[in-house]
Amino acid sequence: MDKISRLKIFGFLIAFLTQTGFCAIKPFEDEIWNTPENIIDSQISKLLSRYNAKMRNPCSDYVFIRRVYLDITGSIPTIEEIDSFIQDKSQDKRKKLIDKLLEKDDFALYWSMRWCDILRVKSEYPINLWPNAVQAYHRWIYEKIRENMPYDKFARELLTSSGSNFRVPPVNFYRAVQGRSPQSIAKAVCQTFMGIDFEKLSKQQQENLSIFFSRVAYKKTQEWKEEIVYLNPEPAKIIRTNFPDGKIVEISPQQDPRVIFADWLISPQNPYFNKNIVNRIWAWIMGQGIISPVDDTYGKDTPGKEILTTLENEFIKSGYDIKHMIKLILNSRTYQQSSIPTPDTKNPEIQFAFYKIRQMEAEVLLDILCYLAGKGEEYISQIPEPFTYIPRENRNIGLADGSITSSFLITFGRPSRDTGLESERNSKPTDKQRLYMLNSSDIQRRISLSPILRKATSQLWKSKKDSVTILYKILLSRPPTDQELAMAEEYFNTSGVMQYRAINDIAWALINSKEFIFKH
């Protein structure tokens, strides 16, 4: 693209962002709700009424299908999927779409990525799981999410398993910790399963909690990098300690302290376990926790505590069913409302009065760019050893090892998985990201060679309007407005470039828009 064309299309981009920023209601909102209120919405309405605020209008079907695809599968819908959904006139089509997407393998893959972040799945320093263990651990997490294993059983297996880190994947929870002291393990358990910052507990509380992991031991085998996690049989005295809620417990030498702790942890009466996971699920879907940050909720109150209690009770009643919780949130009006705030909801104290706009995760954005380009990323790395090769057909959200990365993933905030903290993932936009999207020859190459975007180019000889409409549906999951069509037509007529170049320029402008890069 020459300098003049770049300046013209940059002008088009500025006009586009001005015209289609989140100030216009159409095509982003509907006026009438077809989604019935659920138990979440009644609590949210009560919360908002304290601030004389109310929820926004429902998001449009075009916004909804893009949003729910991104939040469930980490992908965007195809034109065929969009058209099928829009043409469906049934009142419960959103519910049916949610149910359908939750059964896709991509759901398990995308949500495995989230769990691998907090379970610190990486091979090299400072975690040192090593490649074989990383693959086994990632596969185990993926399979359990796909099976929809109840969360209490999921947590219990991670905390009580013993054996080879290659052959019993959940034992890698104990290896994926920075340090092997009982205190280091207790810190990871606190953060992951209770949302408690271990350092904020009293010294006595820290010591009491660490005792439950004082018999965790490790030994090497003859196989390269294999390690056994086991219960040290040597101690022969009764252990006396306190659970985090203050209850005293005595553990005999014949008992596994980890099992005693896990049974306490997953009890329906536990004040931390259920609150932590429903708060995490809410944050993953809604963009922020009811209590934030999700890794540090100990002793914190929140105006939304009634919502949290409602979610906890529903989770326990469902048998710790994570998919049930996801469905409950996704089928709420709270989730399906517009992302356009009003002057009376911009008060930072008012939470959940509109859908929170946030940038896509690095892996998701790269997957979409790979989808447009018609081929995926290839990862070749001598570290971690042995020599690692990951083929192009693998999605970036399925990249198991946090040690294998790229400049793109680093630039767009993929976490290093060193600490397991949610804050390690940085999805905030930066100048470096914007410059990359605007100026990268890689982005230009993906656009110009894209077999997907060729669908739009192939229609130019028939109708520019049809061509632009296809382009918008591919990139923004919606047709263009009349204003946008007029701007595109003006660019075709005044840019001075060939029509196929003009359609690529418009694609470049859309890819650089907030509507493409952000979940909304």
Protein backbone atom coordinates (compact mmCIF):
# COMPACT_ATOMS: atom_id res chain seq x y z
CA MET A 1 0.00 0.00 0.00
CA ASP A 2 1.53 3.36 -1.04
CA LYS A 3 1.69 6.38 1.26
CA ILE A 4 -1.28 8.20 -0.31
CA SER A 5 -3.52 5.14 -0.13
CA ARG A 6 -2.45 4.56 3.48
CA LEU A 7 -3.36 8.14 4.39
CA LYS A 8 -6.73 7.81 2.67
CA ILE A 9 -7.60 4.56 4.34
CA PHE A 10 -6.40 5.93 7.67
CA GLY A 11 -8.87 8.75 7.13
CA PHE A 12 -11.54 6.16 6.41
CA LEU A 13 -10.59 4.40 9.65
CA ILE A 14 -10.97 7.62 11.66
CA ALA A 15 -14.35 8.24 10.02
CA PHE A 16 -15.34 4.64 10.74
CA LEU A 17 -14.46 4.88 14.41
CA THR A 18 -16.28 8.19 14.70
CA GLN A 19 -19.43 6.89 13.02
CA THR A 20 -19.57 3.43 14.54
CA GLY A 21 -18.16 3.99 17.99
CA PHE A 22 -20.33 2.87 20.86
CA CYS A 23 -22.43 6.02 20.74
CA ALA A 24 -24.87 4.63 18.14
CA ILE A 25 -27.59 2.34 19.46
CA LYS A 26 -28.18 0.53 16.18
CA PRO A 27 -27.05 -2.08 15.19
CA PHE A 28 -25.79 -2.89 18.69
CA GLU A 29 -29.01 -2.91 20.70
CA ASP A 30 -32.58 -4.18 20.57
CA GLU A 31 -35.53 -2.56 22.33
CA ILE A 32 -37.43 -5.61 23.59
CA TRP A 33 -36.20 -8.50 25.74
CA ASN A 34 -36.93 -12.04 24.58
CA THR A 35 -34.69 -13.46 27.31
CA PRO A 36 -36.63 -14.09 30.54
CA GLU A 37 -35.27 -12.76 33.82
CA ASN A 38 -33.50 -15.29 36.03
CA ILE A 39 -32.30 -15.35 39.63
CA ILE A 40 -29.19 -13.36 38.74
CA ASP A 41 -31.17 -10.52 37.16
CA SER A 42 -33.43 -10.01 40.16
CA GLN A 43 -30.36 -9.59 42.39
CA ILE A 44 -28.64 -7.26 39.91
CA SER A 45 -31.79 -5.12 39.63
CA LYS A 46 -31.90 -4.75 43.42
CA LEU A 47 -28.24 -3.78 43.46
CA LEU A 48 -28.63 -1.17 40.71
CA SER A 49 -31.74 0.33 42.32
CA ARG A 50 -29.55 1.48 45.22
CA TYR A 51 -27.85 3.81 42.73
CA ASN A 52 -31.07 4.74 40.89
CA ALA A 53 -29.71 2.85 37.88
CA LYS A 54 -31.03 -0.01 35.78
CA MET A 55 -29.72 -2.48 33.23
CA ARG A 56 -29.20 -1.47 29.62
CA ASN A 57 -31.27 -2.61 26.66
CA PRO A 58 -30.69 -6.11 25.29
CA CYS A 59 -27.78 -6.46 22.90
CA SER A 60 -28.74 -7.22 19.32
CA ASP A 61 -28.64 -10.76 17.94
CA TYR A 62 -25.57 -9.83 15.88
CA VAL A 63 -23.73 -8.64 18.98
CA PHE A 64 -24.90 -11.64 20.99
CA ILE A 65 -23.69 -14.32 18.59
CA ARG A 66 -20.23 -12.77 18.38
CA ARG A 67 -20.06 -12.24 22.14
CA VAL A 68 -21.15 -15.74 23.08
CA TYR A 69 -18.84 -17.40 20.55
CA LEU A 70 -15.89 -15.47 21.98
CA ASP A 71 -16.83 -16.15 25.62
CA ILE A 72 -17.53 -19.87 25.15
CA THR A 73 -15.20 -21.02 22.37
CA GLY A 74 -12.65 -18.21 21.96
CA SER A 75 -13.61 -17.83 18.28
CA ILE A 76 -15.88 -15.77 16.03
CA PRO A 77 -18.84 -17.20 14.10
CA THR A 78 -18.79 -17.87 10.36
CA ILE A 79 -21.16 -16.11 7.94
CA GLU A 80 -23.21 -19.31 7.69
CA GLU A 81 -23.54 -19.55 11.48
CA ILE A 82 -24.53 -15.88 11.72
CA ASP A 83 -27.17 -16.14 9.00
CA SER A 84 -28.62 -19.32 10.49
CA PHE A 85 -28.93 -17.70 13.91
CA ILE A 86 -30.47 -14.46 12.60
CA GLN A 87 -33.00 -16.34 10.49
CA ASP A 88 -34.10 -18.46 13.47
CA LYS A 89 -37.28 -16.78 14.78
CA SER A 90 -37.71 -18.94 17.90
CA GLN A 91 -37.89 -17.11 21.22
CA ASP A 92 -35.30 -19.37 22.89
CA LYS A 93 -32.69 -19.35 20.12
CA ARG A 94 -30.07 -17.72 22.38
CA LYS A 95 -30.50 -20.48 24.95
CA LYS A 96 -30.21 -23.14 22.24
CA LEU A 97 -27.04 -21.55 20.89
CA ILE A 98 -25.46 -21.48 24.35
CA ASP A 99 -26.27 -25.18 24.86
CA LYS A 100 -24.82 -26.03 21.45
CA LEU A 101 -21.56 -24.13 21.96
CA LEU A 102 -20.96 -25.66 25.40
CA GLU A 103 -20.86 -29.10 23.78
CA LYS A 104 -18.12 -28.12 21.32
CA ASP A 105 -14.54 -29.29 21.84
CA ASP A 106 -13.49 -25.65 21.42
CA PHE A 107 -15.26 -24.84 24.68
CA ALA A 108 -13.10 -27.36 26.54
CA LEU A 109 -9.99 -26.07 24.74
CA TYR A 110 -10.66 -22.40 25.50
CA TRP A 111 -11.59 -22.96 29.13
CA SER A 112 -8.58 -25.27 29.53
CA MET A 113 -6.46 -22.25 28.60
CA ARG A 114 -8.02 -20.33 31.51
CA TRP A 115 -7.36 -23.18 33.94
CA CYS A 116 -3.81 -23.68 32.69
CA ASP A 117 -3.12 -20.03 33.54
CA ILE A 118 -4.09 -20.42 37.18
CA LEU A 119 -2.67 -23.96 37.53
CA ARG A 120 0.72 -22.72 36.21
CA VAL A 121 1.08 -25.15 33.31
CA LYS A 122 4.53 -24.52 31.85
CA SER A 123 7.69 -26.55 31.43
CA GLU A 124 10.59 -24.27 32.23
CA TYR A 125 11.76 -22.02 35.07
CA PRO A 126 10.38 -21.22 37.61
CA ILE A 127 7.83 -24.05 37.38
CA ASN A 128 9.87 -26.88 35.79
CA LEU A 129 7.10 -29.32 34.95
CA TRP A 130 9.04 -30.43 31.86
CA PRO A 131 7.44 -31.13 28.46
CA ASN A 132 6.03 -34.63 29.04
CA ALA A 133 4.33 -33.55 32.25
CA VAL A 134 2.98 -30.37 30.62
CA GLN A 135 1.31 -32.35 27.85
CA ALA A 136 -0.14 -34.88 30.29
CA TYR A 137 -1.38 -32.16 32.67
CA HIS A 138 -2.93 -30.08 29.89
CA ARG A 139 -4.66 -33.13 28.40
CA TRP A 140 -6.05 -34.10 31.80
CA ILE A 141 -7.46 -30.60 32.38
CA TYR A 142 -8.96 -30.56 28.88
CA GLU A 143 -10.60 -33.97 29.29
CA LYS A 144 -12.08 -33.13 32.69
CA ILE A 145 -13.58 -29.89 31.38
CA ARG A 146 -14.95 -31.70 28.33
CA GLU A 147 -16.47 -34.37 30.59
CA ASN A 148 -17.81 -31.62 32.86
CA MET A 149 -16.33 -33.29 35.92
CA PRO A 150 -17.95 -31.82 39.06
CA TYR A 151 -15.67 -29.13 40.44
CA ASP A 152 -15.42 -30.65 43.92
CA LYS A 153 -14.04 -33.87 42.37
CA PHE A 154 -11.74 -31.86 40.08
CA ALA A 155 -10.21 -30.02 43.05
CA ARG A 156 -10.02 -33.16 45.19
CA GLU A 157 -8.07 -35.07 42.52
CA LEU A 158 -5.58 -32.22 42.20
CA LEU A 159 -5.04 -32.11 45.95
CA THR A 160 -4.96 -35.82 46.83
CA SER A 161 -3.32 -37.63 43.89
CA SER A 162 0.02 -39.43 44.20
CA GLY A 163 2.23 -41.05 41.58
CA SER A 164 4.26 -40.27 38.45
CA ASN A 165 3.96 -36.78 37.03
CA PHE A 166 3.86 -38.40 33.56
CA ARG A 167 1.26 -41.07 34.33
CA VAL A 168 -0.90 -39.42 37.02
CA PRO A 169 -1.33 -35.91 35.56
CA PRO A 170 -3.07 -34.20 38.53
CA VAL A 171 0.04 -34.68 40.73
CA ASN A 172 1.56 -31.90 38.66
CA PHE A 173 -0.40 -29.48 40.82
CA TYR A 174 2.27 -30.10 43.48
CA ARG A 175 5.11 -29.75 41.00
CA ALA A 176 3.75 -26.57 39.41
CA VAL A 177 4.62 -24.53 42.49
CA GLN A 178 7.55 -22.16 43.01
CA GLY A 179 9.13 -24.09 45.85
CA ARG A 180 8.43 -27.41 47.52
CA SER A 181 8.10 -26.39 51.12
CA PRO A 182 4.74 -26.92 52.86
CA GLN A 183 4.40 -23.13 52.98
CA SER A 184 4.85 -22.80 49.19
CA ILE A 185 2.23 -25.47 48.56
CA ALA A 186 -0.19 -23.96 51.08
CA LYS A 187 0.21 -20.58 49.37
CA ALA A 188 -0.73 -22.07 45.99
CA VAL A 189 -3.72 -23.93 47.47
CA CYS A 190 -4.97 -20.77 49.19
CA GLN A 191 -4.76 -18.71 46.04
CA THR A 192 -6.14 -21.30 43.61
CA PHE A 193 -9.01 -22.83 45.57
CA MET A 194 -9.94 -20.25 48.20
CA GLY A 195 -9.09 -16.88 46.66
CA ILE A 196 -6.92 -16.03 49.65
CA ASP A 197 -3.61 -14.21 49.63
CA PHE A 198 -1.54 -16.46 51.91
CA GLU A 199 0.69 -13.56 52.96
CA LYS A 200 -2.30 -11.76 54.48
CA LEU A 201 -3.00 -14.59 56.91
CA SER A 202 -1.54 -14.46 60.41
CA LYS A 203 1.67 -16.41 61.07
CA GLN A 204 -0.29 -18.95 63.07
CA GLN A 205 -2.85 -19.40 60.27
CA GLN A 206 -0.03 -19.89 57.77
CA GLU A 207 1.60 -22.54 59.96
CA ASN A 208 -1.69 -24.35 60.58
CA LEU A 209 -2.48 -24.52 56.86
CA SER A 210 1.05 -25.59 55.90
CA ILE A 211 0.86 -28.63 58.21
CA PHE A 212 -1.67 -30.26 55.87
CA PHE A 213 1.05 -30.42 53.20
CA SER A 214 4.00 -31.26 55.44
CA ARG A 215 4.15 -34.88 54.26
CA VAL A 216 4.19 -34.21 50.51
CA ALA A 217 7.43 -35.69 49.15
CA TYR A 218 9.13 -36.10 45.76
CA LYS A 219 11.53 -38.65 44.30
CA LYS A 220 13.22 -39.16 40.93
CA THR A 221 12.92 -42.24 38.71
CA GLN A 222 15.15 -43.72 36.02
CA GLU A 223 13.04 -42.08 33.31
CA TRP A 224 14.26 -38.69 32.10
CA LYS A 225 12.55 -35.84 34.00
CA GLU A 226 9.99 -38.14 35.61
CA GLU A 227 9.24 -37.60 39.28
CA ILE A 228 6.99 -39.31 41.81
CA VAL A 229 4.83 -37.25 44.15
CA TYR A 230 3.96 -39.28 47.23
CA LEU A 231 2.97 -39.14 50.88
CA ASN A 232 6.02 -39.37 53.12
CA PRO A 233 5.37 -42.42 55.38
CA GLU A 234 8.02 -41.56 57.98
CA PRO A 235 6.17 -39.33 60.48
CA ALA A 236 4.63 -41.54 63.19
CA LYS A 237 2.99 -39.00 65.44
CA ILE A 238 -0.45 -37.43 65.56
CA ILE A 239 -0.69 -34.07 63.79
CA ARG A 240 -2.82 -31.43 65.49
CA THR A 241 -3.76 -28.30 63.59
CA ASN A 242 -6.60 -25.94 62.66
CA PHE A 243 -8.57 -25.57 59.44
CA PRO A 244 -8.68 -22.01 58.05
CA ASP A 245 -12.14 -21.53 59.60
CA GLY A 246 -10.66 -22.24 63.06
CA LYS A 247 -11.94 -25.80 63.50
CA ILE A 248 -9.41 -28.07 65.28
CA VAL A 249 -8.46 -31.40 63.72
CA GLU A 250 -6.24 -34.32 64.76
CA ILE A 251 -4.66 -36.43 61.99
CA SER A 252 -3.28 -39.89 62.75
CA PRO A 253 -0.12 -41.25 61.04
CA GLN A 254 -2.32 -43.59 58.98
CA GLN A 255 -4.28 -40.70 57.48
CA ASP A 256 -3.24 -38.49 54.54
CA PRO A 257 -3.42 -34.86 55.72
CA ARG A 258 -4.12 -33.76 52.16
CA VAL A 259 -7.28 -35.89 52.08
CA ILE A 260 -8.43 -34.47 55.42
CA PHE A 261 -7.91 -30.95 54.08
CA ALA A 262 -9.57 -31.68 50.71
CA ASP A 263 -12.66 -33.13 52.41
CA TRP A 264 -12.95 -29.97 54.50
CA LEU A 265 -12.31 -27.75 51.47
CA ILE A 266 -15.05 -29.19 49.23
CA SER A 267 -17.70 -29.32 51.93
CA PRO A 268 -20.86 -27.34 51.05
CA GLN A 269 -20.39 -25.45 54.32
CA ASN A 270 -16.91 -24.24 53.38
CA PRO A 271 -16.86 -20.41 53.48
CA TYR A 272 -14.15 -20.05 50.81
CA PHE A 273 -14.26 -22.82 48.19
CA ASN A 274 -17.64 -22.20 46.56
CA LYS A 275 -17.37 -18.43 46.73
CA ASN A 276 -13.99 -18.52 45.02
CA ILE A 277 -14.98 -20.62 42.01
CA VAL A 278 -18.29 -18.88 41.26
CA ASN A 279 -16.49 -15.55 41.54
CA ARG A 280 -13.85 -16.80 39.07
CA ILE A 281 -16.45 -18.07 36.60
CA TRP A 282 -18.31 -14.75 36.84
CA ALA A 283 -15.07 -12.83 36.22
CA TRP A 284 -14.13 -14.97 33.22
CA ILE A 285 -17.53 -14.33 31.62
CA MET A 286 -18.36 -10.81 32.78
CA GLY A 287 -14.87 -9.29 32.67
CA GLN A 288 -14.54 -8.63 36.41
CA GLY A 289 -15.31 -10.49 39.61
CA ILE A 290 -18.15 -9.68 41.96
CA ILE A 291 -15.21 -9.37 44.36
CA SER A 292 -11.95 -8.21 42.76
CA PRO A 293 -9.25 -9.29 42.38
CA VAL A 294 -10.42 -12.90 42.35
CA ASP A 295 -7.15 -14.16 43.88
CA ASP A 296 -7.51 -11.91 46.94
CA THR A 297 -11.05 -11.94 48.32
CA TYR A 298 -10.27 -12.78 51.97
CA GLY A 299 -12.15 -10.56 54.38
CA LYS A 300 -13.52 -8.30 51.62
CA ASP A 301 -17.13 -7.21 51.53
CA THR A 302 -18.97 -6.24 48.37
CA PRO A 303 -22.27 -4.58 47.45
CA GLY A 304 -22.93 -7.68 45.34
CA LYS A 305 -22.66 -10.19 48.19
CA GLU A 306 -26.30 -11.25 47.67
CA ILE A 307 -25.46 -12.16 44.07
CA LEU A 308 -22.46 -14.16 45.24
CA THR A 309 -24.56 -16.01 47.82
CA THR A 310 -27.19 -16.79 45.17
CA LEU A 311 -24.52 -18.18 42.85
CA GLU A 312 -22.92 -20.23 45.65
CA ASN A 313 -26.24 -21.81 46.61
CA GLU A 314 -27.08 -22.59 42.99
CA PHE A 315 -23.64 -24.12 42.45
CA ILE A 316 -23.94 -26.42 45.46
CA LYS A 317 -27.50 -27.39 44.48
CA SER A 318 -26.31 -28.28 40.96
CA GLY A 319 -23.71 -30.73 42.31
CA TYR A 320 -20.74 -28.42 41.58
CA ASP A 321 -21.66 -28.33 37.89
CA ILE A 322 -19.48 -25.71 36.17
CA LYS A 323 -21.43 -25.84 32.90
CA HIS A 324 -24.63 -25.22 34.83
CA MET A 325 -23.10 -22.06 36.31
CA ILE A 326 -21.89 -20.90 32.92
CA LYS A 327 -25.36 -21.44 31.44
CA LEU A 328 -26.99 -19.58 34.32
CA ILE A 329 -24.81 -16.52 33.73
CA LEU A 330 -24.96 -16.60 29.92
CA ASN A 331 -28.75 -16.95 29.92
CA SER A 332 -29.18 -13.93 32.18
CA ARG A 333 -30.23 -10.48 31.01
CA THR A 334 -27.23 -9.21 32.94
CA TYR A 335 -24.91 -10.96 30.48
CA GLN A 336 -27.04 -10.27 27.41
CA GLN A 337 -27.42 -6.53 27.95
CA SER A 338 -25.80 -3.90 25.77
CA SER A 339 -22.20 -2.83 26.28
CA ILE A 340 -23.14 0.85 25.77
CA PRO A 341 -23.11 2.72 29.10
CA THR A 342 -25.36 5.67 29.84
CA PRO A 343 -24.36 8.80 31.79
CA ASP A 344 -25.99 7.44 34.96
CA THR A 345 -24.15 4.09 34.79
CA LYS A 346 -20.62 5.44 34.24
CA ASN A 347 -20.18 5.80 38.02
CA PRO A 348 -17.36 3.30 38.80
CA GLU A 349 -19.28 2.15 41.90
CA ILE A 350 -22.08 0.83 39.69
CA GLN A 351 -21.20 -2.69 38.59
CA PHE A 352 -22.88 -4.87 35.96
CA ALA A 353 -25.20 -2.16 34.57
CA PHE A 354 -23.82 -2.99 31.12
CA TYR A 355 -21.61 -5.66 29.55
CA LYS A 356 -17.97 -4.85 30.24
CA ILE A 357 -15.97 -4.12 27.10
CA ARG A 358 -12.49 -5.66 27.13
CA GLN A 359 -9.82 -6.67 24.68
CA MET A 360 -9.65 -10.24 23.40
CA GLU A 361 -7.04 -12.51 24.93
CA ALA A 362 -3.79 -12.69 22.95
CA GLU A 363 -4.33 -16.31 21.91
CA VAL A 364 -7.90 -15.63 20.76
CA LEU A 365 -6.92 -12.61 18.68
CA LEU A 366 -4.07 -14.56 17.07
CA ASP A 367 -6.38 -17.51 16.35
CA ILE A 368 -8.79 -15.19 14.53
CA LEU A 369 -5.97 -13.66 12.49
CA CYS A 370 -4.78 -17.19 11.65
CA TYR A 371 -8.32 -18.16 10.65
CA LEU A 372 -8.44 -15.18 8.28
CA ALA A 373 -5.02 -16.04 6.85
CA GLY A 374 -5.99 -19.65 6.24
CA LYS A 375 -3.10 -21.10 8.26
CA GLY A 376 -2.03 -21.23 11.87
CA GLU A 377 1.14 -20.37 13.74
CA GLU A 378 4.09 -22.74 13.83
CA TYR A 379 6.12 -23.00 17.02
CA ILE A 380 9.63 -24.43 16.95
CA SER A 381 11.66 -24.24 20.12
CA GLN A 382 14.85 -25.79 21.47
CA ILE A 383 13.69 -24.74 24.91
CA PRO A 384 12.05 -26.56 26.60
CA GLU A 385 14.10 -29.60 25.75
CA PRO A 386 13.69 -31.86 23.91
CA PHE A 387 13.31 -30.00 20.64
CA THR A 388 9.68 -28.88 20.43
CA TYR A 389 7.57 -28.58 17.29
CA ILE A 390 3.89 -27.60 17.33
CA PRO A 391 2.10 -27.88 13.96
CA ARG A 392 0.13 -25.08 12.35
CA GLU A 393 -3.24 -26.81 12.63
CA ASN A 394 -3.20 -26.43 16.43
CA ARG A 395 -5.11 -23.45 17.80
CA ASN A 396 -3.19 -20.94 19.91
CA ILE A 397 -5.73 -21.33 22.74
CA GLY A 398 -4.61 -24.97 22.84
CA LEU A 399 -0.94 -24.10 23.32
CA ALA A 400 -0.31 -26.22 26.40
CA ASP A 401 3.06 -24.91 27.52
CA GLY A 402 3.38 -21.42 28.97
CA SER A 403 7.10 -21.50 28.12
CA ILE A 404 6.43 -21.73 24.37
CA THR A 405 5.39 -18.32 23.13
CA SER A 406 5.90 -15.70 20.42
CA SER A 407 6.47 -11.97 20.18
CA PHE A 408 2.78 -11.51 19.26
CA LEU A 409 1.53 -13.40 22.32
CA ILE A 410 3.92 -11.51 24.60
CA THR A 411 2.95 -8.14 23.08
CA PHE A 412 -0.76 -8.81 23.56
CA GLY A 413 -0.47 -9.92 27.18
CA ARG A 414 -0.38 -13.71 27.33
CA PRO A 415 0.66 -14.63 30.90
CA SER A 416 3.95 -16.35 31.66
CA ARG A 417 2.12 -18.66 34.14
CA ASP A 418 4.75 -18.15 36.81
CA THR A 419 2.41 -17.31 39.70
CA GLY A 420 -1.09 -18.48 38.77
CA LEU A 421 -2.48 -15.01 39.46
CA GLU A 422 -5.23 -13.76 37.16
CA SER A 423 -3.38 -10.43 36.98
CA GLU A 424 -0.54 -12.11 35.06
CA ARG A 425 -2.74 -11.92 31.95
CA ASN A 426 -2.69 -8.33 30.74
CA SER A 427 -5.42 -7.65 28.20
CA LYS A 428 -5.16 -3.88 28.46
CA PRO A 429 -4.42 -2.13 25.13
CA THR A 430 -0.98 -0.62 24.67
CA ASP A 431 0.67 1.69 22.15
CA LYS A 432 2.89 -1.16 20.99
CA GLN A 433 -0.16 -3.29 20.19
CA ARG A 434 -1.83 -0.49 18.23
CA LEU A 435 1.32 0.19 16.22
CA TYR A 436 1.62 -3.51 15.43
CA MET A 437 -1.96 -3.75 14.19
CA LEU A 438 -1.63 -0.54 12.15
CA ASN A 439 1.82 -1.04 10.63
CA SER A 440 2.71 -4.73 10.67
CA SER A 441 3.50 -6.28 7.30
CA ASP A 442 2.27 -9.54 8.86
CA ILE A 443 -1.25 -8.10 9.20
CA GLN A 444 -1.11 -6.83 5.60
CA ARG A 445 0.02 -10.23 4.38
CA ARG A 446 -2.74 -12.05 6.23
CA ILE A 447 -5.33 -9.73 4.66
CA SER A 448 -4.01 -9.83 1.10
CA LEU A 449 -3.60 -13.63 1.05
CA SER A 450 -6.70 -14.48 3.08
CA PRO A 451 -8.86 -17.22 1.52
CA ILE A 452 -11.68 -16.16 3.87
CA LEU A 453 -11.65 -12.50 2.80
CA ARG A 454 -11.48 -13.64 -0.81
CA LYS A 455 -15.21 -14.35 -0.47
CA ALA A 456 -15.71 -10.59 -0.30
CA THR A 457 -13.31 -9.81 -3.13
CA SER A 458 -14.96 -12.37 -5.40
CA GLN A 459 -18.26 -10.48 -5.22
CA LEU A 460 -16.84 -7.13 -6.35
CA TRP A 461 -17.68 -7.68 -10.01
CA LYS A 462 -21.32 -8.33 -9.06
CA SER A 463 -21.95 -5.78 -6.32
CA LYS A 464 -19.74 -3.60 -4.16
CA LYS A 465 -22.53 -3.55 -1.57
CA ASP A 466 -22.57 -7.35 -1.35
CA SER A 467 -18.80 -7.43 -1.15
CA VAL A 468 -18.68 -4.95 1.75
CA THR A 469 -21.54 -6.76 3.49
CA ILE A 470 -19.64 -10.06 3.35
CA LEU A 471 -16.54 -8.32 4.67
CA TYR A 472 -18.41 -6.87 7.64
CA LYS A 473 -20.00 -10.21 8.48
CA ILE A 474 -16.63 -11.98 8.38
CA LEU A 475 -14.84 -9.43 10.54
CA LEU A 476 -17.53 -7.85 12.74
CA SER A 477 -20.22 -10.55 12.62
CA ARG A 478 -22.85 -8.08 11.39
CA PRO A 479 -23.85 -6.32 8.15
CA PRO A 480 -22.76 -2.69 7.63
CA THR A 481 -25.08 0.21 8.35
CA ASP A 482 -26.21 2.51 5.54
CA GLN A 483 -23.62 5.10 6.71
CA GLU A 484 -20.85 2.54 6.57
CA LEU A 485 -21.90 1.40 3.10
CA ALA A 486 -21.86 5.02 1.95
CA MET A 487 -18.36 5.54 3.36
CA ALA A 488 -17.14 2.38 1.67
CA GLU A 489 -18.67 3.47 -1.64
CA GLU A 490 -16.97 6.86 -1.31
CA TYR A 491 -13.64 5.15 -0.71
CA PHE A 492 -14.09 2.94 -3.76
CA ASN A 493 -14.76 6.05 -5.87
CA THR A 494 -12.06 8.37 -4.50
CA SER A 495 -9.17 6.20 -3.32
CA GLY A 496 -7.55 5.87 -6.70
CA VAL A 497 -6.66 2.22 -6.09
CA MET A 498 -8.00 -0.89 -7.80
CA GLN A 499 -11.20 -2.28 -6.34
CA TYR A 500 -9.63 -5.43 -4.92
CA ARG A 501 -7.03 -3.21 -3.21
CA ALA A 502 -9.81 -1.01 -1.87
CA ILE A 503 -11.62 -3.97 -0.29
CA ASN A 504 -8.34 -5.05 1.36
CA ASP A 505 -7.90 -1.50 2.66
CA ILE A 506 -11.38 -1.54 4.17
CA ALA A 507 -10.60 -4.93 5.76
CA TRP A 508 -7.45 -3.39 7.27
CA ALA A 509 -9.52 -0.52 8.69
CA LEU A 510 -12.05 -2.90 10.24
CA ILE A 511 -9.35 -5.13 11.75
CA ASN A 512 -7.93 -2.02 13.40
CA SER A 513 -11.30 -0.98 14.84
CA LYS A 514 -12.21 -1.44 18.48
CA GLU A 515 -15.24 -3.41 17.40
CA PHE A 516 -12.98 -6.11 15.97
CA ILE A 517 -10.34 -6.26 18.70
CA PHE A 518 -12.61 -5.89 21.73
CA LYS A 519 -15.28 -8.12 23.20
CA HIS A 520 -18.42 -6.05 23.33
